[in-house]
Structures are given as C-alpha cells and as structure tokens.
Amino acid sequence: MGVLDDLELRLDNANRAAATHSTENPTADAADLAAESPWEPPAGIGPIPHHLEERARDLLVCQQKLAGEIDGARRVTLRHLAALRSVPSAREAKRSVYLDVTG
C-alpha cells in the first residue's frame, strides 16, 4: 500500500470514528478515536513525486479540517462538563433547589 493510500485510509477511519463517537456514543472513551497506531513516515521515501503533490495537498487540507472539527467538539464537551460540574450533586432534603439556567 502506498504512503498516501495509508494516510487516506487512516483519515477515513478517523472521520468514521469521530462521527460514530459524536452521534452514537458521545460518552465513549477518547482512546477509541486513537485506536490506530501512530503514523510513522517510511524511511527513505524521498520527496513527493510531482504527480502526487495535489493529492497530498488535498489530504493535508482534509486532515486539518478534521483536526479543527475534533478541537471544536473538544471545546463543546469541556463547556458541557463545566456546566454539569456547576450543578450541586447533593442537597439537604429540607431545602428547595433551583437551577439558574440563564445566568
């Protein structure tokens, strides 16, 4: 398998994992998204051949887009966690509990 083929396959797998993670199992462990081993460039492959440069650029753009989407999802998750942590977990039975959702 060629280097770009391998990177494209990894990108497809990461896109599927991210989509599944956010829609089907939002509480899944983040390790599920990083199940594949880290990519290591093969030794001695040299520069990208001219006829593959556009494909490599497109792949880079797609990787950067996915990285941005994952970062955005991470920020939303952190805000949700902060909101959940702001809700008291225990209360006295004699006291009324009100949750201010506007401020």
Protein backbone atom coordinates (compact mmCIF):
# COMPACT_ATOMS: atom_id res chain seq x y z
CA MET A 1 0.00 0.00 0.00
CA GLY A 2 1.31 3.44 -0.89
CA VAL A 3 2.01 6.10 1.70
CA LEU A 4 -0.84 8.35 0.54
CA ASP A 5 -3.21 5.37 0.39
CA ASP A 6 -2.34 4.56 4.01
CA LEU A 7 -2.84 8.16 5.12
CA GLU A 8 -6.17 8.41 3.30
CA LEU A 9 -7.36 5.16 4.89
CA ARG A 10 -6.36 6.46 8.33
CA LEU A 11 -8.20 9.72 7.66
CA ASP A 12 -11.34 7.83 6.58
CA ASN A 13 -11.17 5.70 9.73
CA ALA A 14 -10.72 8.79 11.91
CA ASN A 15 -13.69 10.50 10.22
CA ARG A 16 -15.87 7.44 10.81
CA ALA A 17 -14.73 7.12 14.41
CA ALA A 18 -15.36 10.80 15.10
CA ALA A 19 -18.84 10.63 13.54
CA THR A 20 -19.72 7.47 15.45
CA HIS A 21 -18.31 8.92 18.67
CA SER A 22 -20.40 12.06 18.47
CA THR A 23 -23.69 10.57 17.27
CA GLU A 24 -23.93 7.04 18.62
CA ASN A 25 -21.83 7.01 21.76
CA PRO A 26 -20.94 10.52 22.97
CA THR A 27 -19.56 9.21 26.25
CA ALA A 28 -17.16 6.70 24.69
CA ASP A 29 -13.56 6.78 25.81
CA ALA A 30 -11.41 9.08 23.70
CA ALA A 31 -8.97 6.21 23.26
CA ASP A 32 -11.49 4.67 20.88
CA LEU A 33 -10.73 7.50 18.46
CA ALA A 34 -6.99 6.85 18.65
CA ALA A 35 -7.12 3.08 18.27
CA GLU A 36 -4.73 3.04 15.34
CA SER A 37 -1.02 3.13 15.97
CA PRO A 38 0.69 6.48 15.38
CA TRP A 39 1.77 7.01 11.79
CA GLU A 40 5.48 6.90 11.11
CA PRO A 41 6.80 8.04 7.75
CA PRO A 42 8.59 5.23 5.95
CA ALA A 43 12.35 5.62 5.85
CA GLY A 44 13.93 6.70 2.61
CA ILE A 45 10.82 7.53 0.59
CA GLY A 46 12.26 10.83 -0.64
CA PRO A 47 10.27 13.84 -1.82
CA ILE A 48 6.68 13.58 -3.04
CA PRO A 49 6.60 12.90 -6.79
CA HIS A 50 5.23 15.82 -8.77
CA HIS A 51 2.19 13.86 -10.00
CA LEU A 52 1.13 13.18 -6.36
CA GLU A 53 1.54 16.72 -5.00
CA GLU A 54 -2.09 17.77 -5.49
CA ARG A 55 -3.35 14.57 -3.86
CA ALA A 56 -1.02 15.16 -0.90
CA ARG A 57 -2.22 18.78 -0.57
CA ASP A 58 -5.87 17.66 -0.63
CA LEU A 59 -5.11 15.08 2.05
CA LEU A 60 -3.45 17.73 4.22
CA VAL A 61 -6.48 20.02 3.89
CA CYS A 62 -8.81 17.16 4.91
CA GLN A 63 -6.59 16.29 7.88
CA GLN A 64 -6.56 19.91 9.03
CA LYS A 65 -10.34 20.13 8.66
CA LEU A 66 -10.86 17.01 10.79
CA ALA A 67 -8.41 18.30 13.40
CA GLY A 68 -10.42 21.53 13.60
CA GLU A 69 -13.70 19.63 13.95
CA ILE A 70 -12.25 17.46 16.71
CA ASP A 71 -10.92 20.53 18.51
CA GLY A 72 -14.35 22.19 18.25
CA ALA A 73 -16.03 19.07 19.64
CA ARG A 74 -13.49 19.00 22.47
CA ARG A 75 -14.29 22.62 23.38
CA VAL A 76 -18.05 21.93 23.37
CA THR A 77 -17.51 18.86 25.55
CA LEU A 78 -15.45 20.88 28.02
CA ARG A 79 -18.22 23.51 28.24
CA HIS A 80 -20.79 20.78 28.85
CA LEU A 81 -18.63 19.24 31.56
CA ALA A 82 -18.18 22.63 33.21
CA ALA A 83 -21.97 23.12 33.21
CA LEU A 84 -22.53 19.69 34.71
CA ARG A 85 -19.92 20.29 37.39
CA SER A 86 -21.64 23.53 38.38
CA VAL A 87 -24.77 21.62 39.46
CA PRO A 88 -24.56 20.60 43.12
CA SER A 89 -24.52 16.84 43.49
CA ALA A 90 -26.02 16.64 46.98
CA ARG A 91 -28.57 18.76 48.79
CA GLU A 92 -30.34 18.94 52.07
CA ALA A 93 -33.82 17.42 51.86
CA LYS A 94 -35.41 20.43 53.59
CA ARG A 95 -34.09 23.00 51.11
CA SER A 96 -35.59 23.81 47.74
CA VAL A 97 -33.28 23.54 44.77
CA TYR A 98 -33.37 25.92 41.86
CA LEU A 99 -31.04 25.79 38.91
CA ASP A 100 -30.35 29.10 37.23
CA VAL A 101 -30.11 28.21 33.56
CA THR A 102 -29.92 31.78 32.29
CA GLY A 103 -27.08 33.21 34.26
